[in-house]
């Protein structure tokens, strides 16, 4: 399941009752795994989440436009529900929305996945390694499919209702 919210001014063609006010400027701290948070003042342009039942990882994305600037910050969280796997938080700054979206399109959603077996373990037979690898590949395909759906929805929504 993918959920996306685009926050911004509605197009002038719609009736005034349906127009949304511009999102408020807020001070936020974007988490970064193993580093200081990125602090900024800006308005939330879009946010989205992906998740699928039984998925080994899913993603949350926020795009922020800095106050009085074209600069855009991207907050990306990889959620890993396994007890031994901490979530991975990223925050990146870009000179404009186009570069931020290019970075999101190039992001590898499998980069933070944990392999739950050691293929070099001599106690595992070649057949067991192959079966575990095939199962991992199947789970990775679900993560990739969910990421692509989330990214597609965010890109579409920003294209249909671009920020002012």
N, C-alpha and C. Protein backbone atom coordinates (compact mmCIF):
# COMPACT_ATOMS: atom_id res chain seq x y z
N UNK A 1 0.84 -1.17 0.00
CA UNK A 1 0.00 0.00 0.00
C UNK A 1 0.89 1.23 0.00
N UNK A 2 0.57 2.20 -0.80
CA UNK A 2 1.32 3.44 -0.88
C UNK A 2 0.39 4.58 -0.54
N UNK A 3 0.85 5.49 0.32
CA UNK A 3 0.06 6.68 0.60
C UNK A 3 0.92 7.90 0.34
N UNK A 4 0.37 8.87 -0.34
CA UNK A 4 1.10 10.08 -0.71
C UNK A 4 0.25 11.29 -0.39
N UNK A 5 0.88 12.31 0.14
CA UNK A 5 0.19 13.57 0.37
C UNK A 5 1.02 14.67 -0.27
N UNK A 6 0.40 15.48 -1.07
CA UNK A 6 1.06 16.63 -1.66
C UNK A 6 0.45 17.85 -1.00
N UNK A 7 1.30 18.67 -0.44
CA UNK A 7 0.84 19.83 0.30
C UNK A 7 1.24 21.08 -0.46
N UNK A 8 0.29 21.90 -0.77
CA UNK A 8 0.60 23.13 -1.49
C UNK A 8 -0.68 23.80 -1.94
N UNK A 9 -0.51 24.83 -2.71
CA UNK A 9 -1.66 25.58 -3.18
C UNK A 9 -2.33 24.83 -4.30
N UNK A 10 -3.65 24.78 -4.27
CA UNK A 10 -4.39 24.17 -5.36
C UNK A 10 -4.37 25.12 -6.55
N UNK A 11 -4.57 24.56 -7.73
CA UNK A 11 -4.58 25.38 -8.93
C UNK A 11 -5.71 26.41 -8.90
N UNK A 12 -5.51 27.53 -9.56
CA UNK A 12 -6.49 28.61 -9.55
C UNK A 12 -7.78 28.23 -10.27
N UNK A 13 -7.74 27.15 -11.06
CA UNK A 13 -8.93 26.77 -11.82
C UNK A 13 -10.02 26.21 -10.93
N UNK A 14 -9.69 25.66 -9.77
CA UNK A 14 -10.67 25.06 -8.88
C UNK A 14 -11.46 26.11 -8.13
N UNK A 15 -12.64 25.73 -7.64
CA UNK A 15 -13.43 26.68 -6.86
C UNK A 15 -12.70 27.06 -5.58
N UNK A 16 -12.88 28.29 -5.09
CA UNK A 16 -12.16 28.74 -3.91
C UNK A 16 -12.36 27.83 -2.69
N UNK A 17 -13.54 27.24 -2.55
CA UNK A 17 -13.81 26.39 -1.39
C UNK A 17 -12.92 25.14 -1.39
N UNK A 18 -12.43 24.72 -2.55
CA UNK A 18 -11.61 23.51 -2.65
C UNK A 18 -10.12 23.81 -2.59
N UNK A 19 -9.73 25.06 -2.64
CA UNK A 19 -8.32 25.40 -2.62
C UNK A 19 -7.76 25.22 -1.22
N UNK A 20 -6.54 24.67 -1.17
CA UNK A 20 -5.87 24.49 0.11
C UNK A 20 -4.93 25.65 0.32
N UNK A 21 -4.82 26.14 1.55
CA UNK A 21 -3.85 27.19 1.80
C UNK A 21 -2.44 26.63 1.70
N UNK A 22 -1.50 27.49 1.40
CA UNK A 22 -0.10 27.05 1.35
C UNK A 22 0.29 26.51 2.72
N UNK A 23 1.06 25.42 2.75
CA UNK A 23 1.45 24.89 4.05
C UNK A 23 2.31 25.89 4.82
N UNK A 24 2.17 25.84 6.10
CA UNK A 24 2.90 26.77 6.96
C UNK A 24 4.39 26.45 6.98
N UNK A 25 5.18 27.49 7.16
CA UNK A 25 6.62 27.32 7.33
C UNK A 25 6.84 26.84 8.75
N UNK A 26 7.65 25.80 8.88
CA UNK A 26 7.93 25.22 10.20
C UNK A 26 9.43 25.00 10.35
N UNK A 27 9.85 24.95 11.59
CA UNK A 27 11.22 24.54 11.90
C UNK A 27 11.19 23.05 12.16
N UNK A 28 12.04 22.30 11.47
CA UNK A 28 12.07 20.84 11.63
C UNK A 28 13.51 20.35 11.76
N UNK A 29 13.64 19.18 12.31
CA UNK A 29 14.93 18.48 12.39
C UNK A 29 14.75 17.15 11.67
N UNK A 30 15.51 16.93 10.61
CA UNK A 30 15.44 15.69 9.85
C UNK A 30 16.51 14.75 10.37
N UNK A 31 16.11 13.56 10.76
CA UNK A 31 17.04 12.58 11.33
C UNK A 31 18.00 12.05 10.28
N UNK A 32 19.24 11.79 10.74
CA UNK A 32 20.28 11.18 9.91
C UNK A 32 20.93 10.09 10.76
N UNK A 33 20.94 8.88 10.28
CA UNK A 33 21.55 7.79 11.04
C UNK A 33 23.04 8.04 11.22
N UNK A 34 23.50 8.01 12.46
CA UNK A 34 24.91 8.16 12.77
C UNK A 34 25.46 9.56 12.62
N UNK A 35 24.60 10.56 12.55
CA UNK A 35 25.06 11.94 12.38
C UNK A 35 24.06 12.89 13.03
N UNK A 36 24.46 14.15 13.09
CA UNK A 36 23.56 15.18 13.64
C UNK A 36 22.37 15.35 12.71
N UNK A 37 21.23 15.73 13.27
CA UNK A 37 20.08 15.99 12.41
C UNK A 37 20.31 17.22 11.54
N UNK A 38 19.61 17.26 10.44
CA UNK A 38 19.63 18.44 9.56
C UNK A 38 18.46 19.31 10.00
N UNK A 39 18.79 20.52 10.45
CA UNK A 39 17.76 21.46 10.92
C UNK A 39 17.48 22.47 9.82
N UNK A 40 16.18 22.79 9.65
CA UNK A 40 15.82 23.75 8.61
C UNK A 40 14.48 24.39 8.95
N UNK A 41 14.23 25.49 8.26
CA UNK A 41 12.91 26.14 8.27
C UNK A 41 12.38 26.05 6.86
N UNK A 42 11.21 25.49 6.74
CA UNK A 42 10.65 25.35 5.41
C UNK A 42 9.23 24.85 5.45
N UNK A 43 8.73 24.55 4.26
CA UNK A 43 7.37 24.03 4.15
C UNK A 43 7.42 22.66 3.49
N UNK A 44 6.56 21.79 3.97
CA UNK A 44 6.49 20.44 3.46
C UNK A 44 5.81 20.45 2.10
N UNK A 45 6.52 19.97 1.08
CA UNK A 45 5.97 19.92 -0.27
C UNK A 45 5.19 18.64 -0.51
N UNK A 46 5.74 17.52 -0.05
CA UNK A 46 5.11 16.22 -0.28
C UNK A 46 5.65 15.22 0.72
N UNK A 47 4.84 14.22 0.99
CA UNK A 47 5.30 13.13 1.83
C UNK A 47 4.60 11.86 1.36
N UNK A 48 5.24 10.74 1.58
CA UNK A 48 4.65 9.47 1.18
C UNK A 48 5.24 8.32 1.96
N UNK A 49 4.48 7.24 2.02
CA UNK A 49 4.90 6.03 2.72
C UNK A 49 4.52 4.82 1.89
N UNK A 50 5.38 3.83 1.93
CA UNK A 50 5.04 2.55 1.30
C UNK A 50 5.06 1.49 2.38
N UNK A 51 4.25 0.49 2.21
CA UNK A 51 4.29 -0.67 3.10
C UNK A 51 3.47 -1.78 2.48
N UNK A 52 3.90 -2.99 2.73
CA UNK A 52 3.17 -4.16 2.28
C UNK A 52 3.22 -5.19 3.39
N UNK A 53 2.16 -5.93 3.55
CA UNK A 53 2.12 -6.94 4.59
C UNK A 53 3.28 -7.91 4.43
N UNK A 54 4.01 -8.14 5.51
CA UNK A 54 5.11 -9.08 5.48
C UNK A 54 6.36 -8.57 4.79
N UNK A 55 6.39 -7.31 4.43
CA UNK A 55 7.53 -6.73 3.72
C UNK A 55 8.72 -6.60 4.67
N UNK A 56 9.93 -6.88 4.18
CA UNK A 56 11.12 -6.81 5.04
C UNK A 56 11.63 -5.38 5.21
N UNK A 57 11.13 -4.45 4.42
CA UNK A 57 11.50 -3.04 4.56
C UNK A 57 10.50 -2.20 3.78
N UNK A 58 10.30 -0.99 4.24
CA UNK A 58 9.49 -0.04 3.49
C UNK A 58 10.07 1.34 3.70
N UNK A 59 9.56 2.31 2.97
CA UNK A 59 10.18 3.64 2.95
C UNK A 59 9.18 4.74 3.26
N UNK A 60 9.72 5.82 3.84
CA UNK A 60 8.96 7.04 4.08
C UNK A 60 9.78 8.19 3.50
N UNK A 61 9.13 9.08 2.78
CA UNK A 61 9.80 10.19 2.11
C UNK A 61 9.10 11.50 2.47
N UNK A 62 9.89 12.53 2.72
CA UNK A 62 9.37 13.90 2.89
C UNK A 62 10.24 14.82 2.04
N UNK A 63 9.60 15.76 1.35
CA UNK A 63 10.31 16.79 0.60
C UNK A 63 9.97 18.14 1.20
N UNK A 64 10.99 18.89 1.57
CA UNK A 64 10.83 20.20 2.22
C UNK A 64 11.48 21.27 1.36
N UNK A 65 10.78 22.39 1.15
CA UNK A 65 11.38 23.54 0.49
C UNK A 65 11.78 24.53 1.57
N UNK A 66 13.05 24.94 1.54
CA UNK A 66 13.54 25.86 2.55
C UNK A 66 12.92 27.24 2.38
N UNK A 67 12.69 27.88 3.49
CA UNK A 67 12.05 29.20 3.51
C UNK A 67 12.90 30.20 2.71
N UNK A 68 12.25 30.92 1.80
CA UNK A 68 12.91 31.96 1.03
C UNK A 68 13.96 31.45 0.05
N UNK A 69 13.85 30.20 -0.36
CA UNK A 69 14.88 29.60 -1.21
C UNK A 69 14.25 28.58 -2.15
N UNK A 70 14.99 28.23 -3.19
CA UNK A 70 14.58 27.13 -4.06
C UNK A 70 15.12 25.80 -3.55
N UNK A 71 16.00 25.85 -2.53
CA UNK A 71 16.61 24.62 -2.01
C UNK A 71 15.55 23.67 -1.48
N UNK A 72 15.81 22.38 -1.67
CA UNK A 72 14.89 21.33 -1.24
C UNK A 72 15.67 20.31 -0.42
N UNK A 73 15.07 19.92 0.69
CA UNK A 73 15.63 18.85 1.52
C UNK A 73 14.77 17.61 1.35
N UNK A 74 15.44 16.48 1.28
CA UNK A 74 14.74 15.19 1.20
C UNK A 74 15.07 14.41 2.46
N UNK A 75 14.03 13.96 3.15
CA UNK A 75 14.19 13.06 4.28
C UNK A 75 13.70 11.69 3.82
N UNK A 76 14.54 10.70 3.97
CA UNK A 76 14.21 9.34 3.53
C UNK A 76 14.50 8.38 4.66
N UNK A 77 13.49 7.64 5.05
CA UNK A 77 13.62 6.66 6.13
C UNK A 77 13.35 5.28 5.56
N UNK A 78 14.28 4.36 5.78
CA UNK A 78 14.07 2.96 5.43
C UNK A 78 13.67 2.25 6.72
N UNK A 79 12.45 1.78 6.77
CA UNK A 79 11.93 1.07 7.95
C UNK A 79 12.25 -0.41 7.79
N UNK A 80 12.89 -0.98 8.79
CA UNK A 80 13.22 -2.40 8.79
C UNK A 80 12.65 -3.02 10.06
N UNK A 81 11.55 -3.76 9.95
CA UNK A 81 10.86 -4.23 11.14
C UNK A 81 11.57 -5.34 11.92
N UNK A 82 12.58 -5.97 11.35
CA UNK A 82 13.29 -7.03 12.06
C UNK A 82 13.87 -6.47 13.36
N UNK A 83 13.78 -7.24 14.42
CA UNK A 83 14.21 -6.78 15.75
C UNK A 83 15.67 -6.34 15.78
N UNK A 84 16.53 -6.99 15.02
CA UNK A 84 17.96 -6.66 15.04
C UNK A 84 18.35 -5.57 14.05
N UNK A 85 17.40 -5.04 13.32
CA UNK A 85 17.69 -4.06 12.27
C UNK A 85 17.11 -2.70 12.62
N UNK A 86 17.97 -1.73 12.85
CA UNK A 86 17.51 -0.37 13.11
C UNK A 86 17.09 0.29 11.80
N UNK A 87 16.15 1.22 11.90
CA UNK A 87 15.76 2.00 10.72
C UNK A 87 16.96 2.83 10.26
N UNK A 88 16.97 3.15 8.98
CA UNK A 88 18.03 3.98 8.41
C UNK A 88 17.41 5.31 7.99
N UNK A 89 18.00 6.40 8.49
CA UNK A 89 17.49 7.75 8.21
C UNK A 89 18.52 8.51 7.36
N UNK A 90 18.03 9.15 6.31
CA UNK A 90 18.86 10.00 5.47
C UNK A 90 18.21 11.37 5.34
N UNK A 91 19.04 12.40 5.20
CA UNK A 91 18.56 13.74 4.88
C UNK A 91 19.57 14.34 3.92
N UNK A 92 19.10 14.76 2.78
CA UNK A 92 19.96 15.32 1.74
C UNK A 92 19.42 16.68 1.33
N UNK A 93 20.34 17.60 1.02
CA UNK A 93 19.97 18.95 0.56
C UNK A 93 20.29 19.08 -0.93
N UNK A 94 19.41 19.77 -1.65
CA UNK A 94 19.59 19.97 -3.09
C UNK A 94 19.27 21.41 -3.46
N UNK A 95 19.92 21.93 -4.50
CA UNK A 95 19.68 23.33 -4.88
C UNK A 95 18.26 23.59 -5.40
N UNK A 96 17.58 22.54 -5.89
CA UNK A 96 16.22 22.72 -6.39
C UNK A 96 15.48 21.39 -6.40
N UNK A 97 14.19 21.45 -6.69
CA UNK A 97 13.35 20.26 -6.67
C UNK A 97 13.77 19.24 -7.72
N UNK A 98 14.18 19.70 -8.89
CA UNK A 98 14.57 18.77 -9.95
C UNK A 98 15.73 17.87 -9.51
N UNK A 99 16.74 18.45 -8.87
CA UNK A 99 17.87 17.63 -8.41
C UNK A 99 17.47 16.69 -7.29
N UNK A 100 16.57 17.12 -6.43
CA UNK A 100 16.08 16.25 -5.35
C UNK A 100 15.35 15.05 -5.94
N UNK A 101 14.52 15.30 -6.95
CA UNK A 101 13.78 14.21 -7.57
C UNK A 101 14.71 13.28 -8.34
N UNK A 102 15.75 13.82 -8.98
CA UNK A 102 16.74 12.97 -9.64
C UNK A 102 17.41 12.02 -8.64
N UNK A 103 17.73 12.55 -7.46
CA UNK A 103 18.36 11.73 -6.42
C UNK A 103 17.41 10.62 -5.98
N UNK A 104 16.14 10.97 -5.78
CA UNK A 104 15.17 9.95 -5.38
C UNK A 104 15.02 8.87 -6.45
N UNK A 105 15.01 9.27 -7.71
CA UNK A 105 14.88 8.29 -8.79
C UNK A 105 16.08 7.35 -8.85
N UNK A 106 17.25 7.84 -8.47
CA UNK A 106 18.47 7.02 -8.51
C UNK A 106 18.67 6.18 -7.24
N UNK A 107 17.88 6.45 -6.19
CA UNK A 107 18.05 5.75 -4.92
C UNK A 107 17.78 4.25 -5.09
N UNK A 108 18.63 3.43 -4.47
CA UNK A 108 18.48 1.98 -4.50
C UNK A 108 17.72 1.54 -3.24
N UNK A 109 16.48 1.11 -3.36
CA UNK A 109 15.70 0.76 -2.19
C UNK A 109 16.21 -0.49 -1.48
N UNK A 110 17.11 -1.23 -2.11
CA UNK A 110 17.64 -2.45 -1.51
C UNK A 110 18.95 -2.21 -0.76
N UNK A 111 19.46 -0.98 -0.80
CA UNK A 111 20.77 -0.68 -0.22
C UNK A 111 20.84 -0.99 1.27
N UNK A 112 19.75 -0.88 1.98
CA UNK A 112 19.76 -1.04 3.43
C UNK A 112 19.20 -2.38 3.91
N UNK A 113 18.94 -3.29 2.99
CA UNK A 113 18.40 -4.59 3.39
C UNK A 113 19.48 -5.44 4.05
N UNK A 114 19.05 -6.23 4.99
CA UNK A 114 19.97 -7.14 5.68
C UNK A 114 19.78 -8.54 5.11
N UNK A 115 20.88 -9.21 4.85
CA UNK A 115 20.84 -10.61 4.41
C UNK A 115 20.77 -11.45 5.67
N UNK A 116 19.81 -12.36 5.73
CA UNK A 116 19.60 -13.13 6.94
C UNK A 116 20.33 -14.47 6.98
N UNK A 117 21.35 -14.63 6.11
CA UNK A 117 22.16 -15.84 6.15
C UNK A 117 23.54 -15.53 5.58
N UNK A 118 24.50 -16.40 5.90
CA UNK A 118 25.87 -16.25 5.39
C UNK A 118 26.12 -17.35 4.38
N UNK A 119 26.23 -16.99 3.12
CA UNK A 119 26.43 -17.97 2.06
C UNK A 119 27.74 -18.73 2.21
N UNK A 120 28.70 -18.18 2.96
CA UNK A 120 29.98 -18.85 3.16
C UNK A 120 29.94 -19.83 4.34
N UNK A 121 28.84 -19.90 5.04
CA UNK A 121 28.70 -20.82 6.18
C UNK A 121 28.73 -22.25 5.67
N UNK A 122 29.74 -22.99 6.04
CA UNK A 122 29.91 -24.38 5.57
C UNK A 122 28.82 -25.31 6.08
N UNK A 123 28.09 -24.90 7.10
CA UNK A 123 27.01 -25.75 7.61
C UNK A 123 25.80 -25.73 6.69
N UNK A 124 25.73 -24.75 5.79
CA UNK A 124 24.61 -24.65 4.86
C UNK A 124 24.97 -25.38 3.56
N UNK A 125 24.08 -26.21 3.11
CA UNK A 125 24.32 -26.89 1.83
C UNK A 125 24.12 -25.90 0.69
N UNK A 126 24.63 -26.24 -0.47
CA UNK A 126 24.47 -25.38 -1.65
C UNK A 126 22.99 -25.21 -1.98
N UNK A 127 22.21 -26.27 -1.78
CA UNK A 127 20.78 -26.20 -2.06
C UNK A 127 20.10 -25.22 -1.09
N UNK A 128 20.47 -25.30 0.21
CA UNK A 128 19.88 -24.40 1.18
C UNK A 128 20.26 -22.95 0.90
N UNK A 129 21.51 -22.71 0.51
CA UNK A 129 21.94 -21.36 0.16
C UNK A 129 21.13 -20.85 -1.03
N UNK A 130 20.95 -21.70 -2.04
CA UNK A 130 20.18 -21.30 -3.22
C UNK A 130 18.73 -21.00 -2.87
N UNK A 131 18.13 -21.83 -2.00
CA UNK A 131 16.74 -21.59 -1.60
C UNK A 131 16.60 -20.30 -0.80
N UNK A 132 17.54 -20.06 0.12
CA UNK A 132 17.48 -18.83 0.91
C UNK A 132 17.72 -17.61 0.03
N UNK A 133 18.62 -17.74 -0.93
CA UNK A 133 18.89 -16.62 -1.86
C UNK A 133 17.64 -16.32 -2.70
N UNK A 134 16.96 -17.37 -3.15
CA UNK A 134 15.75 -17.17 -3.95
C UNK A 134 14.66 -16.50 -3.11
N UNK A 135 14.53 -16.91 -1.84
CA UNK A 135 13.53 -16.30 -0.96
C UNK A 135 13.87 -14.83 -0.72
N UNK A 136 15.14 -14.53 -0.49
CA UNK A 136 15.57 -13.15 -0.29
C UNK A 136 15.31 -12.31 -1.54
N UNK A 137 15.59 -12.88 -2.70
CA UNK A 137 15.35 -12.18 -3.95
C UNK A 137 13.86 -11.84 -4.10
N UNK A 138 13.00 -12.78 -3.73
CA UNK A 138 11.56 -12.53 -3.79
C UNK A 138 11.13 -11.41 -2.86
N UNK A 139 11.68 -11.41 -1.63
CA UNK A 139 11.34 -10.35 -0.68
C UNK A 139 11.89 -9.00 -1.16
N UNK A 140 13.07 -9.02 -1.78
CA UNK A 140 13.66 -7.78 -2.30
C UNK A 140 12.82 -7.23 -3.45
N UNK A 141 12.24 -8.10 -4.25
CA UNK A 141 11.38 -7.64 -5.35
C UNK A 141 10.15 -6.91 -4.82
N UNK A 142 9.60 -7.37 -3.70
CA UNK A 142 8.45 -6.70 -3.09
C UNK A 142 8.86 -5.30 -2.63
N UNK A 143 10.04 -5.18 -1.98
CA UNK A 143 10.52 -3.88 -1.52
C UNK A 143 10.70 -2.95 -2.72
N UNK A 144 11.30 -3.45 -3.78
CA UNK A 144 11.53 -2.64 -4.97
C UNK A 144 10.21 -2.20 -5.60
N UNK A 145 9.27 -3.11 -5.70
CA UNK A 145 7.97 -2.79 -6.28
C UNK A 145 7.25 -1.72 -5.44
N UNK A 146 7.30 -1.84 -4.13
CA UNK A 146 6.67 -0.84 -3.25
C UNK A 146 7.36 0.52 -3.38
N UNK A 147 8.71 0.52 -3.45
CA UNK A 147 9.45 1.77 -3.61
C UNK A 147 9.08 2.46 -4.92
N UNK A 148 9.03 1.68 -6.01
CA UNK A 148 8.72 2.26 -7.32
C UNK A 148 7.30 2.83 -7.31
N UNK A 149 6.37 2.16 -6.64
CA UNK A 149 4.99 2.67 -6.56
C UNK A 149 4.97 3.98 -5.78
N UNK A 150 5.67 4.02 -4.65
CA UNK A 150 5.74 5.25 -3.85
C UNK A 150 6.35 6.38 -4.66
N UNK A 151 7.49 6.12 -5.27
CA UNK A 151 8.18 7.14 -6.05
C UNK A 151 7.31 7.63 -7.21
N UNK A 152 6.67 6.71 -7.91
CA UNK A 152 5.79 7.09 -9.01
C UNK A 152 4.65 7.97 -8.56
N UNK A 153 4.05 7.64 -7.41
CA UNK A 153 2.96 8.46 -6.89
C UNK A 153 3.42 9.86 -6.49
N UNK A 154 4.59 9.95 -5.86
CA UNK A 154 5.13 11.26 -5.46
C UNK A 154 5.45 12.10 -6.70
N UNK A 155 6.12 11.49 -7.68
CA UNK A 155 6.47 12.22 -8.90
C UNK A 155 5.22 12.67 -9.66
N UNK A 156 4.23 11.81 -9.73
CA UNK A 156 2.99 12.17 -10.42
C UNK A 156 2.29 13.32 -9.72
N UNK A 157 2.16 13.21 -8.40
CA UNK A 157 1.46 14.24 -7.64
C UNK A 157 2.17 15.59 -7.74
N UNK A 158 3.49 15.59 -7.71
CA UNK A 158 4.23 16.84 -7.84
C UNK A 158 4.12 17.42 -9.25
N UNK A 159 3.98 16.54 -10.25
CA UNK A 159 3.84 17.01 -11.61
C UNK A 159 2.44 17.59 -11.85
N UNK A 160 1.42 16.98 -11.26
CA UNK A 160 0.04 17.44 -11.42
C UNK A 160 -0.21 18.71 -10.64
N UNK A 161 0.38 18.81 -9.43
CA UNK A 161 0.17 19.99 -8.56
C UNK A 161 1.54 20.48 -8.10
N UNK A 162 2.33 21.10 -9.02
CA UNK A 162 3.68 21.51 -8.65
C UNK A 162 3.67 22.61 -7.58
N UNK A 163 4.72 22.64 -6.76
CA UNK A 163 4.82 23.70 -5.75
C UNK A 163 4.94 25.07 -6.41
N UNK A 164 4.42 26.06 -5.74
CA UNK A 164 4.45 27.44 -6.27
C UNK A 164 5.86 27.98 -6.27
